[in-house]
């Protein structure tokens, strides 16, 4: 069984891999990695923001906006996450 720190490490590795894939334009791999990370930490607003950024990069502003709203819904008292979600939502609406 994976420990909590092992889960956090796995999530960090998945996020790093996703960002590398997105930078290469490999959106399918970027999506797969972030979706795996979300299955590990579904209440992590930053993962939903990452997913939204991928959708925005794929020219899918509706999905990006949906992910921004999901990030807001799980951000709790995290003001930085809420602000980042609002910013993503604004960019998606202008896209």
PDB file of N, CA and C in Angstrom:
ATOM      1  N   UNK A   1       0.847  -1.190   0.000  1.00  0.00           N
ATOM      2  CA  UNK A   1       0.000   0.000   0.000  1.00  0.00           C
ATOM      3  C   UNK A   1       0.885   1.244   0.000  1.00  0.00           C
ATOM      4  N   UNK A   2       0.497   2.204  -0.814  1.00  0.00           N
ATOM      5  CA  UNK A   2       1.285   3.429  -0.956  1.00  0.00           C
ATOM      6  C   UNK A   2       1.021   4.364   0.224  1.00  0.00           C
ATOM      7  N   UNK A   3       2.075   4.956   0.747  1.00  0.00           N
ATOM      8  CA  UNK A   3       1.908   5.904   1.850  1.00  0.00           C
ATOM      9  C   UNK A   3       1.434   7.240   1.308  1.00  0.00           C
ATOM     10  N   UNK A   4       0.996   8.089   2.200  1.00  0.00           N
ATOM     11  CA  UNK A   4       0.533   9.429   1.803  1.00  0.00           C
ATOM     12  C   UNK A   4       1.644  10.178   1.087  1.00  0.00           C
ATOM     13  N   UNK A   5       2.884  10.109   1.618  1.00  0.00           N
ATOM     14  CA  UNK A   5       3.982  10.802   0.952  1.00  0.00           C
ATOM     15  C   UNK A   5       4.267  10.157  -0.399  1.00  0.00           C
ATOM     16  N   UNK A   6       4.056   8.848  -0.492  1.00  0.00           N
ATOM     17  CA  UNK A   6       4.213   8.172  -1.775  1.00  0.00           C
ATOM     18  C   UNK A   6       3.175   8.653  -2.771  1.00  0.00           C
ATOM     19  N   UNK A   7       1.963   8.881  -2.295  1.00  0.00           N
ATOM     20  CA  UNK A   7       0.910   9.413  -3.162  1.00  0.00           C
ATOM     21  C   UNK A   7       1.269  10.809  -3.639  1.00  0.00           C
ATOM     22  N   UNK A   8       1.741  11.639  -2.719  1.00  0.00           N
ATOM     23  CA  UNK A   8       2.118  13.002  -3.087  1.00  0.00           C
ATOM     24  C   UNK A   8       3.251  12.990  -4.106  1.00  0.00           C
ATOM     25  N   UNK A   9       4.202  12.093  -3.901  1.00  0.00           N
ATOM     26  CA  UNK A   9       5.319  11.985  -4.845  1.00  0.00           C
ATOM     27  C   UNK A   9       4.822  11.532  -6.215  1.00  0.00           C
ATOM     28  N   UNK A  10       3.920  10.567  -6.233  1.00  0.00           N
ATOM     29  CA  UNK A  10       3.361  10.090  -7.495  1.00  0.00           C
ATOM     30  C   UNK A  10       2.634  11.223  -8.220  1.00  0.00           C
ATOM     31  N   UNK A  11       1.873  12.012  -7.474  1.00  0.00           N
ATOM     32  CA  UNK A  11       1.154  13.136  -8.074  1.00  0.00           C
ATOM     33  C   UNK A  11       2.147  14.138  -8.660  1.00  0.00           C
ATOM     34  N   UNK A  12       3.200  14.450  -7.923  1.00  0.00           N
ATOM     35  CA  UNK A  12       4.211  15.390  -8.422  1.00  0.00           C
ATOM     36  C   UNK A  12       4.841  14.882  -9.713  1.00  0.00           C
ATOM     37  N   UNK A  13       5.143  13.602  -9.768  1.00  0.00           N
ATOM     38  CA  UNK A  13       5.737  13.017 -10.977  1.00  0.00           C
ATOM     39  C   UNK A  13       4.761  13.079 -12.146  1.00  0.00           C
ATOM     40  N   UNK A  14       3.492  12.801 -11.881  1.00  0.00           N
ATOM     41  CA  UNK A  14       2.483  12.856 -12.939  1.00  0.00           C
ATOM     42  C   UNK A  14       2.308  14.283 -13.458  1.00  0.00           C
ATOM     43  N   UNK A  15       2.309  15.257 -12.561  1.00  0.00           N
ATOM     44  CA  UNK A  15       2.184  16.661 -12.978  1.00  0.00           C
ATOM     45  C   UNK A  15       3.387  17.055 -13.831  1.00  0.00           C
ATOM     46  N   UNK A  16       4.581  16.679 -13.406  1.00  0.00           N
ATOM     47  CA  UNK A  16       5.787  17.018 -14.173  1.00  0.00           C
ATOM     48  C   UNK A  16       5.741  16.375 -15.562  1.00  0.00           C
ATOM     49  N   UNK A  17       5.343  15.116 -15.610  1.00  0.00           N
ATOM     50  CA  UNK A  17       5.242  14.424 -16.895  1.00  0.00           C
ATOM     51  C   UNK A  17       4.182  15.076 -17.781  1.00  0.00           C
ATOM     52  N   UNK A  18       3.062  15.450 -17.180  1.00  0.00           N
ATOM     53  CA  UNK A  18       1.988  16.099 -17.929  1.00  0.00           C
ATOM     54  C   UNK A  18       2.450  17.424 -18.520  1.00  0.00           C
ATOM     55  N   UNK A  19       3.154  18.206 -17.724  1.00  0.00           N
ATOM     56  CA  UNK A  19       3.642  19.503 -18.215  1.00  0.00           C
ATOM     57  C   UNK A  19       4.628  19.328 -19.353  1.00  0.00           C
ATOM     58  N   UNK A  20       5.495  18.329 -19.248  1.00  0.00           N
ATOM     59  CA  UNK A  20       6.456  18.051 -20.320  1.00  0.00           C
ATOM     60  C   UNK A  20       5.713  17.665 -21.595  1.00  0.00           C
ATOM     61  N   UNK A  21       4.721  16.804 -21.447  1.00  0.00           N
ATOM     62  CA  UNK A  21       3.932  16.383 -22.616  1.00  0.00           C
ATOM     63  C   UNK A  21       3.191  17.558 -23.235  1.00  0.00           C
ATOM     64  N   UNK A  22       2.616  18.399 -22.392  1.00  0.00           N
ATOM     65  CA  UNK A  22       1.874  19.564 -22.913  1.00  0.00           C
ATOM     66  C   UNK A  22       2.811  20.500 -23.666  1.00  0.00           C
ATOM     67  N   UNK A  23       4.008  20.697 -23.139  1.00  0.00           N
ATOM     68  CA  UNK A  23       4.987  21.569 -23.803  1.00  0.00           C
ATOM     69  C   UNK A  23       5.363  21.018 -25.176  1.00  0.00           C
ATOM     70  N   UNK A  24       5.341  19.691 -25.325  1.00  0.00           N
ATOM     71  CA  UNK A  24       5.648  19.058 -26.621  1.00  0.00           C
ATOM     72  C   UNK A  24       4.434  19.023 -27.539  1.00  0.00           C
ATOM     73  N   UNK A  25       3.279  19.421 -27.015  1.00  0.00           N
ATOM     74  CA  UNK A  25       2.057  19.359 -27.813  1.00  0.00           C
ATOM     75  C   UNK A  25       1.400  17.993 -27.782  1.00  0.00           C
ATOM     76  N   UNK A  26       1.854  17.111 -26.895  1.00  0.00           N
ATOM     77  CA  UNK A  26       1.287  15.769 -26.743  1.00  0.00           C
ATOM     78  C   UNK A  26       0.171  15.836 -25.698  1.00  0.00           C
ATOM     79  N   UNK A  27      -0.970  16.382 -26.122  1.00  0.00           N
ATOM     80  CA  UNK A  27      -2.067  16.628 -25.192  1.00  0.00           C
ATOM     81  C   UNK A  27      -2.706  15.346 -24.675  1.00  0.00           C
ATOM     82  N   UNK A  28      -2.725  14.294 -25.480  1.00  0.00           N
ATOM     83  CA  UNK A  28      -3.320  13.036 -25.030  1.00  0.00           C
ATOM     84  C   UNK A  28      -2.550  12.496 -23.819  1.00  0.00           C
ATOM     85  N   UNK A  29      -1.232  12.511 -23.887  1.00  0.00           N
ATOM     86  CA  UNK A  29      -0.420  12.025 -22.764  1.00  0.00           C
ATOM     87  C   UNK A  29      -0.544  12.977 -21.579  1.00  0.00           C
ATOM     88  N   UNK A  30      -0.561  14.277 -21.841  1.00  0.00           N
ATOM     89  CA  UNK A  30      -0.708  15.267 -20.765  1.00  0.00           C
ATOM     90  C   UNK A  30      -2.025  15.049 -20.024  1.00  0.00           C
ATOM     91  N   UNK A  31      -3.100  14.838 -20.772  1.00  0.00           N
ATOM     92  CA  UNK A  31      -4.407  14.579 -20.165  1.00  0.00           C
ATOM     93  C   UNK A  31      -4.399  13.297 -19.351  1.00  0.00           C
ATOM     94  N   UNK A  32      -3.818  12.243 -19.904  1.00  0.00           N
ATOM     95  CA  UNK A  32      -3.799  10.952 -19.206  1.00  0.00           C
ATOM     96  C   UNK A  32      -3.074  11.071 -17.870  1.00  0.00           C
ATOM     97  N   UNK A  33      -1.935  11.760 -17.857  1.00  0.00           N
ATOM     98  CA  UNK A  33      -1.176  11.902 -16.613  1.00  0.00           C
ATOM     99  C   UNK A  33      -1.945  12.700 -15.565  1.00  0.00           C
ATOM    100  N   UNK A  34      -2.539  13.815 -15.977  1.00  0.00           N
ATOM    101  CA  UNK A  34      -3.276  14.636 -15.007  1.00  0.00           C
ATOM    102  C   UNK A  34      -4.515  13.904 -14.516  1.00  0.00           C
ATOM    103  N   UNK A  35      -5.169  13.192 -15.393  1.00  0.00           N
ATOM    104  CA  UNK A  35      -6.347  12.433 -14.954  1.00  0.00           C
ATOM    105  C   UNK A  35      -5.960  11.353 -13.947  1.00  0.00           C
ATOM    106  N   UNK A  36      -4.802  10.731 -14.118  1.00  0.00           N
ATOM    107  CA  UNK A  36      -4.311   9.762 -13.122  1.00  0.00           C
ATOM    108  C   UNK A  36      -4.040  10.466 -11.795  1.00  0.00           C
ATOM    109  N   UNK A  37      -3.416  11.642 -11.861  1.00  0.00           N
ATOM    110  CA  UNK A  37      -3.134  12.397 -10.629  1.00  0.00           C
ATOM    111  C   UNK A  37      -4.435  12.762  -9.916  1.00  0.00           C
ATOM    112  N   UNK A  38      -5.457  13.145 -10.678  1.00  0.00           N
ATOM    113  CA  UNK A  38      -6.748  13.506 -10.086  1.00  0.00           C
ATOM    114  C   UNK A  38      -7.389  12.297  -9.416  1.00  0.00           C
ATOM    115  N   UNK A  39      -7.197  11.105  -9.971  1.00  0.00           N
ATOM    116  CA  UNK A  39      -7.743   9.910  -9.312  1.00  0.00           C
ATOM    117  C   UNK A  39      -7.073   9.687  -7.955  1.00  0.00           C
ATOM    118  N   UNK A  40      -5.820  10.112  -7.818  1.00  0.00           N
ATOM    119  CA  UNK A  40      -5.103   9.975  -6.543  1.00  0.00           C
ATOM    120  C   UNK A  40      -5.545  11.055  -5.562  1.00  0.00           C
ATOM    121  N   UNK A  41      -5.665  12.296  -6.047  1.00  0.00           N
ATOM    122  CA  UNK A  41      -6.023  13.437  -5.188  1.00  0.00           C
ATOM    123  C   UNK A  41      -7.168  14.233  -5.819  1.00  0.00           C
ATOM    124  N   UNK A  42      -8.380  13.702  -5.775  1.00  0.00           N
ATOM    125  CA  UNK A  42      -9.501  14.362  -6.458  1.00  0.00           C
ATOM    126  C   UNK A  42      -9.910  15.711  -5.873  1.00  0.00           C
ATOM    127  N   UNK A  43      -9.491  16.011  -4.656  1.00  0.00           N
ATOM    128  CA  UNK A  43      -9.878  17.287  -4.044  1.00  0.00           C
ATOM    129  C   UNK A  43      -8.755  18.305  -4.095  1.00  0.00           C
ATOM    130  N   UNK A  44      -7.762  18.074  -4.950  1.00  0.00           N
ATOM    131  CA  UNK A  44      -6.647  19.002  -5.118  1.00  0.00           C
ATOM    132  C   UNK A  44      -6.999  19.995  -6.224  1.00  0.00           C
ATOM    133  N   UNK A  45      -7.300  21.248  -5.873  1.00  0.00           N
ATOM    134  CA  UNK A  45      -7.733  22.203  -6.896  1.00  0.00           C
ATOM    135  C   UNK A  45      -6.664  22.474  -7.950  1.00  0.00           C
ATOM    136  N   UNK A  46      -5.401  22.340  -7.570  1.00  0.00           N
ATOM    137  CA  UNK A  46      -4.320  22.627  -8.518  1.00  0.00           C
ATOM    138  C   UNK A  46      -4.263  21.601  -9.648  1.00  0.00           C
ATOM    139  N   UNK A  47      -4.698  20.388  -9.376  1.00  0.00           N
ATOM    140  CA  UNK A  47      -4.757  19.387 -10.437  1.00  0.00           C
ATOM    141  C   UNK A  47      -5.872  19.711 -11.425  1.00  0.00           C
ATOM    142  N   UNK A  48      -7.005  20.177 -10.912  1.00  0.00           N
ATOM    143  CA  UNK A  48      -8.093  20.588 -11.799  1.00  0.00           C
ATOM    144  C   UNK A  48      -7.669  21.791 -12.638  1.00  0.00           C
ATOM    145  N   UNK A  49      -6.871  22.683 -12.050  1.00  0.00           N
ATOM    146  CA  UNK A  49      -6.348  23.821 -12.805  1.00  0.00           C
ATOM    147  C   UNK A  49      -5.408  23.351 -13.913  1.00  0.00           C
ATOM    148  N   UNK A  50      -4.562  22.385 -13.597  1.00  0.00           N
ATOM    149  CA  UNK A  50      -3.668  21.813 -14.628  1.00  0.00           C
ATOM    150  C   UNK A  50      -4.495  21.236 -15.773  1.00  0.00           C
ATOM    151  N   UNK A  51      -5.548  20.512 -15.419  1.00  0.00           N
ATOM    152  CA  UNK A  51      -6.411  19.923 -16.444  1.00  0.00           C
ATOM    153  C   UNK A  51      -7.055  21.023 -17.287  1.00  0.00           C
ATOM    154  N   UNK A  52      -7.483  22.085 -16.643  1.00  0.00           N
ATOM    155  CA  UNK A  52      -8.048  23.213 -17.380  1.00  0.00           C
ATOM    156  C   UNK A  52      -7.048  23.848 -18.322  1.00  0.00           C
ATOM    157  N   UNK A  53      -5.798  23.980 -17.874  1.00  0.00           N
ATOM    158  CA  UNK A  53      -4.751  24.554 -18.737  1.00  0.00           C
ATOM    159  C   UNK A  53      -4.511  23.684 -19.968  1.00  0.00           C
ATOM    160  N   UNK A  54      -4.561  22.376 -19.784  1.00  0.00           N
ATOM    161  CA  UNK A  54      -4.390  21.481 -20.931  1.00  0.00           C
ATOM    162  C   UNK A  54      -5.532  21.689 -21.916  1.00  0.00           C
ATOM    163  N   UNK A  55      -6.750  21.755 -21.413  1.00  0.00           N
ATOM    164  CA  UNK A  55      -7.900  21.962 -22.308  1.00  0.00           C
ATOM    165  C   UNK A  55      -7.793  23.303 -23.027  1.00  0.00           C
ATOM    166  N   UNK A  56      -7.316  24.317 -22.344  1.00  0.00           N
ATOM    167  CA  UNK A  56      -7.140  25.617 -22.999  1.00  0.00           C
ATOM    168  C   UNK A  56      -6.079  25.525 -24.088  1.00  0.00           C
ATOM    169  N   UNK A  57      -5.004  24.806 -23.814  1.00  0.00           N
ATOM    170  CA  UNK A  57      -3.952  24.599 -24.817  1.00  0.00           C
ATOM    171  C   UNK A  57      -4.480  23.838 -26.031  1.00  0.00           C
ATOM    172  N   UNK A  58      -5.462  22.981 -25.804  1.00  0.00           N
ATOM    173  CA  UNK A  58      -6.072  22.197 -26.881  1.00  0.00           C
ATOM    174  C   UNK A  58      -7.166  22.978 -27.600  1.00  0.00           C
ATOM    175  N   UNK A  59      -7.312  24.248 -27.261  1.00  0.00           N
ATOM    176  CA  UNK A  59      -8.334  25.107 -27.861  1.00  0.00           C
ATOM    177  C   UNK A  59      -9.742  24.612 -27.534  1.00  0.00           C
ATOM    178  N   UNK A  60      -9.936  24.254 -26.261  1.00  0.00           N
ATOM    179  CA  UNK A  60     -11.240  23.809 -25.782  1.00  0.00           C
ATOM    180  C   UNK A  60     -11.612  24.656 -24.559  1.00  0.00           C
ATOM    181  N   UNK A  61     -12.007  25.926 -24.810  1.00  0.00           N
ATOM    182  CA  UNK A  61     -12.280  26.825 -23.695  1.00  0.00           C
ATOM    183  C   UNK A  61     -13.453  26.394 -22.821  1.00  0.00           C
ATOM    184  N   UNK A  62     -14.446  25.685 -23.381  1.00  0.00           N
ATOM    185  CA  UNK A  62     -15.573  25.245 -22.558  1.00  0.00           C
ATOM    186  C   UNK A  62     -15.113  24.255 -21.486  1.00  0.00           C
ATOM    187  N   UNK A  63     -14.274  23.305 -21.875  1.00  0.00           N
ATOM    188  CA  UNK A  63     -13.755  22.339 -20.903  1.00  0.00           C
ATOM    189  C   UNK A  63     -12.827  23.032 -19.913  1.00  0.00           C
ATOM    190  N   UNK A  64     -12.027  23.979 -20.391  1.00  0.00           N
ATOM    191  CA  UNK A  64     -11.139  24.725 -19.489  1.00  0.00           C
ATOM    192  C   UNK A  64     -11.965  25.450 -18.434  1.00  0.00           C
ATOM    193  N   UNK A  65     -13.058  26.072 -18.854  1.00  0.00           N
ATOM    194  CA  UNK A  65     -13.926  26.786 -17.916  1.00  0.00           C
ATOM    195  C   UNK A  65     -14.558  25.815 -16.918  1.00  0.00           C
ATOM    196  N   UNK A  66     -14.973  24.655 -17.392  1.00  0.00           N
ATOM    197  CA  UNK A  66     -15.563  23.652 -16.499  1.00  0.00           C
ATOM    198  C   UNK A  66     -14.540  23.205 -15.445  1.00  0.00           C
ATOM    199  N   UNK A  67     -13.290  23.043 -15.853  1.00  0.00           N
ATOM    200  CA  UNK A  67     -12.252  22.624 -14.906  1.00  0.00           C
ATOM    201  C   UNK A  67     -11.938  23.749 -13.912  1.00  0.00           C
ATOM    202  N   UNK A  68     -12.014  24.993 -14.367  1.00  0.00           N
ATOM    203  CA  UNK A  68     -11.807  26.130 -13.462  1.00  0.00           C
ATOM    204  C   UNK A  68     -12.904  26.150 -12.401  1.00  0.00           C
ATOM    205  N   UNK A  69     -14.143  25.907 -12.828  1.00  0.00           N
ATOM    206  CA  UNK A  69     -15.254  25.864 -11.870  1.00  0.00           C
ATOM    207  C   UNK A  69     -15.088  24.705 -10.884  1.00  0.00           C
ATOM    208  N   UNK A  70     -14.618  23.562 -11.368  1.00  0.00           N
ATOM    209  CA  UNK A  70     -14.384  22.423 -10.479  1.00  0.00           C
ATOM    210  C   UNK A  70     -13.285  22.771  -9.474  1.00  0.00           C
ATOM    211  N   UNK A  71     -12.217  23.426  -9.937  1.00  0.00           N
ATOM    212  CA  UNK A  71     -11.133  23.829  -9.034  1.00  0.00           C
ATOM    213  C   UNK A  71     -11.676  24.746  -7.939  1.00  0.00           C
ATOM    214  N   UNK A  72     -12.544  25.682  -8.328  1.00  0.00           N
ATOM    215  CA  UNK A  72     -13.149  26.576  -7.334  1.00  0.00           C
ATOM    216  C   UNK A  72     -13.956  25.785  -6.317  1.00  0.00           C
ATOM    217  N   UNK A  73     -14.678  24.786  -6.785  1.00  0.00           N
ATOM    218  CA  UNK A  73     -15.565  24.033  -5.891  1.00  0.00           C
ATOM    219  C   UNK A  73     -14.799  23.191  -4.874  1.00  0.00           C
ATOM    220  N   UNK A  74     -13.572  22.820  -5.175  1.00  0.00           N
ATOM    221  CA  UNK A  74     -12.795  21.995  -4.234  1.00  0.00           C
ATOM    222  C   UNK A  74     -11.694  22.782  -3.529  1.00  0.00           C
ATOM    223  N   UNK A  75     -11.610  24.079  -3.776  1.00  0.00           N
ATOM    224  CA  UNK A  75     -10.489  24.860  -3.232  1.00  0.00           C
ATOM    225  C   UNK A  75     -10.646  25.217  -1.760  1.00  0.00           C
ATOM    226  N   UNK A  76     -11.842  25.099  -1.215  1.00  0.00           N
ATOM    227  CA  UNK A  76     -12.035  25.396   0.205  1.00  0.00           C
ATOM    228  C   UNK A  76     -11.596  26.814   0.534  1.00  0.00           C
ATOM    229  N   UNK A  77     -10.732  26.941   1.531  1.00  0.00           N
ATOM    230  CA  UNK A  77     -10.259  28.258   1.975  1.00  0.00           C
ATOM    231  C   UNK A  77      -8.973  28.684   1.272  1.00  0.00           C
ATOM    232  N   UNK A  78      -8.551  27.949   0.243  1.00  0.00           N
ATOM    233  CA  UNK A  78      -7.305  28.257  -0.468  1.00  0.00           C
ATOM    234  C   UNK A  78      -7.533  29.422  -1.435  1.00  0.00           C
ATOM    235  N   UNK A  79      -7.228  30.615  -0.959  1.00  0.00           N
ATOM    236  CA  UNK A  79      -7.437  31.816  -1.768  1.00  0.00           C
ATOM    237  C   UNK A  79      -6.621  31.834  -3.034  1.00  0.00           C
ATOM    238  N   UNK A  80      -5.404  31.298  -2.996  1.00  0.00           N
ATOM    239  CA  UNK A  80      -4.558  31.273  -4.193  1.00  0.00           C
ATOM    240  C   UNK A  80      -5.171  30.374  -5.264  1.00  0.00           C
ATOM    241  N   UNK A  81      -5.711  29.247  -4.854  1.00  0.00           N
ATOM    242  CA  UNK A  81      -6.342  28.341  -5.817  1.00  0.00           C
ATOM    243  C   UNK A  81      -7.587  28.986  -6.415  1.00  0.00           C
ATOM    244  N   UNK A  82      -8.369  29.656  -5.568  1.00  0.00           N
ATOM    245  CA  UNK A  82      -9.568  30.332  -6.077  1.00  0.00           C
ATOM    246  C   UNK A  82      -9.199  31.430  -7.069  1.00  0.00           C
ATOM    247  N   UNK A  83      -8.179  32.210  -6.751  1.00  0.00           N
ATOM    248  CA  UNK A  83      -7.743  33.284  -7.648  1.00  0.00           C
ATOM    249  C   UNK A  83      -7.249  32.707  -8.972  1.00  0.00           C
ATOM    250  N   UNK A  84      -6.489  31.617  -8.915  1.00  0.00           N
ATOM    251  CA  UNK A  84      -5.994  30.986 -10.141  1.00  0.00           C
ATOM    252  C   UNK A  84      -7.148  30.438 -10.971  1.00  0.00           C
ATOM    253  N   UNK A  85      -8.155  29.891 -10.304  1.00  0.00           N
ATOM    254  CA  UNK A  85      -9.321  29.363 -11.011  1.00  0.00           C
ATOM    255  C   UNK A  85     -10.099  30.496 -11.679  1.00  0.00           C
ATOM    256  N   UNK A  86     -10.258  31.605 -10.987  1.00  0.00           N
ATOM    257  CA  UNK A  86     -10.946  32.761 -11.576  1.00  0.00           C
ATOM    258  C   UNK A  86     -10.187  33.282 -12.785  1.00  0.00           C
ATOM    259  N   UNK A  87      -8.866  33.307 -12.697  1.00  0.00           N
ATOM    260  CA  UNK A  87      -8.039  33.782 -13.809  1.00  0.00           C
ATOM    261  C   UNK A  87      -8.167  32.838 -15.007  1.00  0.00           C
ATOM    262  N   UNK A  88      -8.166  31.529 -14.761  1.00  0.00           N
ATOM    263  CA  UNK A  88      -8.342  30.558 -15.837  1.00  0.00           C
ATOM    264  C   UNK A  88      -9.720  30.712 -16.464  1.00  0.00           C
ATOM    265  N   UNK A  89     -10.730  30.916 -15.647  1.00  0.00           N
ATOM    266  CA  UNK A  89     -12.087  31.101 -16.147  1.00  0.00           C
ATOM    267  C   UNK A  89     -12.164  32.332 -17.047  1.00  0.00           C
ATOM    268  N   UNK A  90     -11.523  33.410 -16.651  1.00  0.00           N
ATOM    269  CA  UNK A  90     -11.497  34.626 -17.477  1.00  0.00           C
ATOM    270  C   UNK A  90     -10.784  34.375 -18.802  1.00  0.00           C
ATOM    271  N   UNK A  91      -9.637  33.709 -18.757  1.00  0.00           N
ATOM    272  CA  UNK A  91      -8.914  33.428 -19.999  1.00  0.00           C
ATOM    273  C   UNK A  91      -9.731  32.517 -20.916  1.00  0.00           C
ATOM    274  N   UNK A  92     -10.417  31.552 -20.322  1.00  0.00           N
ATOM    275  CA  UNK A  92     -11.239  30.642 -21.133  1.00  0.00           C
ATOM    276  C   UNK A  92     -12.388  31.402 -21.798  1.00  0.00           C
ATOM    277  N   UNK A  93     -12.966  32.357 -21.089  1.00  0.00           N
ATOM    278  CA  UNK A  93     -14.084  33.115 -21.652  1.00  0.00           C
ATOM    279  C   UNK A  93     -13.629  34.049 -22.775  1.00  0.00           C
ATOM    280  N   UNK A  94     -12.374  34.454 -22.755  1.00  0.00           N
ATOM    281  CA  UNK A  94     -11.834  35.320 -23.814  1.00  0.00           C
ATOM    282  C   UNK A  94     -11.283  34.536 -24.989  1.00  0.00           C
ATOM    283  N   UNK A  95     -11.131  33.242 -24.823  1.00  0.00           N
ATOM    284  CA  UNK A  95     -10.480  32.399 -25.841  1.00  0.00           C
ATOM    285  C   UNK A  95     -11.375  32.171 -27.031  1.00  0.00           C
TER     286      UNK A  95
END
